[in-house]
Protein backbone atom coordinates (compact mmCIF):
# COMPACT_ATOMS: atom_id res chain seq x y z
CA UNK A 1 99.77 97.86 72.35
CA UNK A 2 96.37 97.47 73.77
CA UNK A 3 94.77 94.74 75.74
CA UNK A 4 92.95 93.59 72.55
CA UNK A 5 96.34 93.38 70.73
CA UNK A 6 97.63 91.11 73.50
CA UNK A 7 94.62 89.00 73.31
CA UNK A 8 94.84 88.61 69.51
CA UNK A 9 98.60 87.79 69.72
CA UNK A 10 98.21 85.16 72.43
CA UNK A 11 95.19 83.61 70.83
CA UNK A 12 97.07 83.45 67.41
CA UNK A 13 100.23 81.98 68.98
CA UNK A 14 98.47 79.42 71.15
CA UNK A 15 95.51 78.41 68.88
CA UNK A 16 93.11 79.17 71.76
CA UNK A 17 89.82 80.96 71.12
CA UNK A 18 89.95 84.76 71.62
CA UNK A 19 87.10 84.74 74.06
CA UNK A 20 88.97 82.25 76.35
CA UNK A 21 92.17 84.29 76.14
CA UNK A 22 90.21 87.44 76.83
CA UNK A 23 88.82 85.94 80.07
CA UNK A 24 92.32 84.82 81.23
CA UNK A 25 93.89 88.14 80.55
CA UNK A 26 91.04 90.13 82.21
CA UNK A 27 91.11 87.79 85.27
CA UNK A 28 94.92 88.22 85.49
CA UNK A 29 94.48 92.02 85.47
CA UNK A 30 91.57 91.72 88.07
CA UNK A 31 93.80 89.65 90.37
CA UNK A 32 96.60 92.23 90.12
CA UNK A 33 94.09 95.13 90.93
CA UNK A 34 92.66 93.26 93.82
CA UNK A 35 96.03 92.56 95.33
CA UNK A 36 96.91 96.16 95.07
CA UNK A 37 93.64 97.19 96.69
CA UNK A 38 94.59 94.99 99.61
CA UNK A 39 97.90 96.64 99.77
CA UNK A 40 99.90 93.65 98.59
CA UNK A 41 103.02 93.73 96.48
CA UNK A 42 102.79 91.84 93.14
CA UNK A 43 106.13 90.43 92.11
CA UNK A 44 106.37 88.71 88.62
CA UNK A 45 109.75 87.10 88.33
CA UNK A 46 111.87 88.31 85.45
CA UNK A 47 109.11 90.93 84.63
CA UNK A 48 108.79 93.39 87.53
CA UNK A 49 107.01 94.48 90.64
CA UNK A 50 103.85 96.38 91.18
CA UNK A 51 103.31 98.07 94.44
CA UNK A 52 101.42 100.96 96.18
CA UNK A 53 103.29 104.01 97.31
CA UNK A 54 101.92 106.58 99.57
CA UNK A 55 102.43 110.19 98.31
CA UNK A 56 102.73 112.85 100.98
CA UNK A 57 100.46 115.94 101.01
CA UNK A 58 102.09 118.96 99.47
CA UNK A 59 101.36 122.45 98.25
CA UNK A 60 100.77 122.71 94.55
CA UNK A 61 100.06 125.60 92.20
CA UNK A 62 97.31 126.07 89.71
CA UNK A 63 99.19 126.75 86.45
CA UNK A 64 96.44 128.96 84.99
CA UNK A 65 95.96 131.32 87.97
CA UNK A 66 99.06 130.78 89.92
CA UNK A 67 96.97 130.15 93.10
CA UNK A 68 98.44 128.00 95.78
CA UNK A 69 96.45 124.72 96.27
CA UNK A 70 96.86 122.07 98.83
CA UNK A 71 97.31 118.53 97.27
CA UNK A 72 96.12 115.84 99.64
CA UNK A 73 98.01 112.59 100.34
CA UNK A 74 97.17 109.67 97.97
CA UNK A 75 98.19 106.21 97.03
CA UNK A 76 99.83 105.62 93.60
CA UNK A 77 100.72 102.36 91.80
CA UNK A 78 104.39 102.16 90.85
CA UNK A 79 106.07 99.51 88.67
CA UNK A 80 109.74 98.59 88.83
CA UNK A 81 110.91 96.50 85.84
CA UNK A 82 112.75 93.33 86.44
CA UNK A 83 116.19 92.43 85.12
CA UNK A 84 114.87 90.51 82.09
CA UNK A 85 112.96 93.47 80.79
CA UNK A 86 115.90 95.82 81.42
CA UNK A 87 118.23 93.48 79.46
CA UNK A 88 115.84 93.19 76.58
CA UNK A 89 114.93 96.81 76.31
CA UNK A 90 118.56 98.05 76.23
């Protein structure tokens, strides 16, 4: 499912204009991204939690050449699903 699919489904089920739904969906994603940039945790009850995790530096290997390559530390976004999703997906 794409962002456009979500917009179409919400617009259809709520009888709102697609352009208005698109603005709300995009602003929601922007707010989540902005919070992650500030290092905040986003907790959506019954859905899940988005947060940043710091990955340590490590030694990697180039699969083509086998050459050892240092991989620098970096931040990654992780998502942990909530109980409601876990129950429904089972």
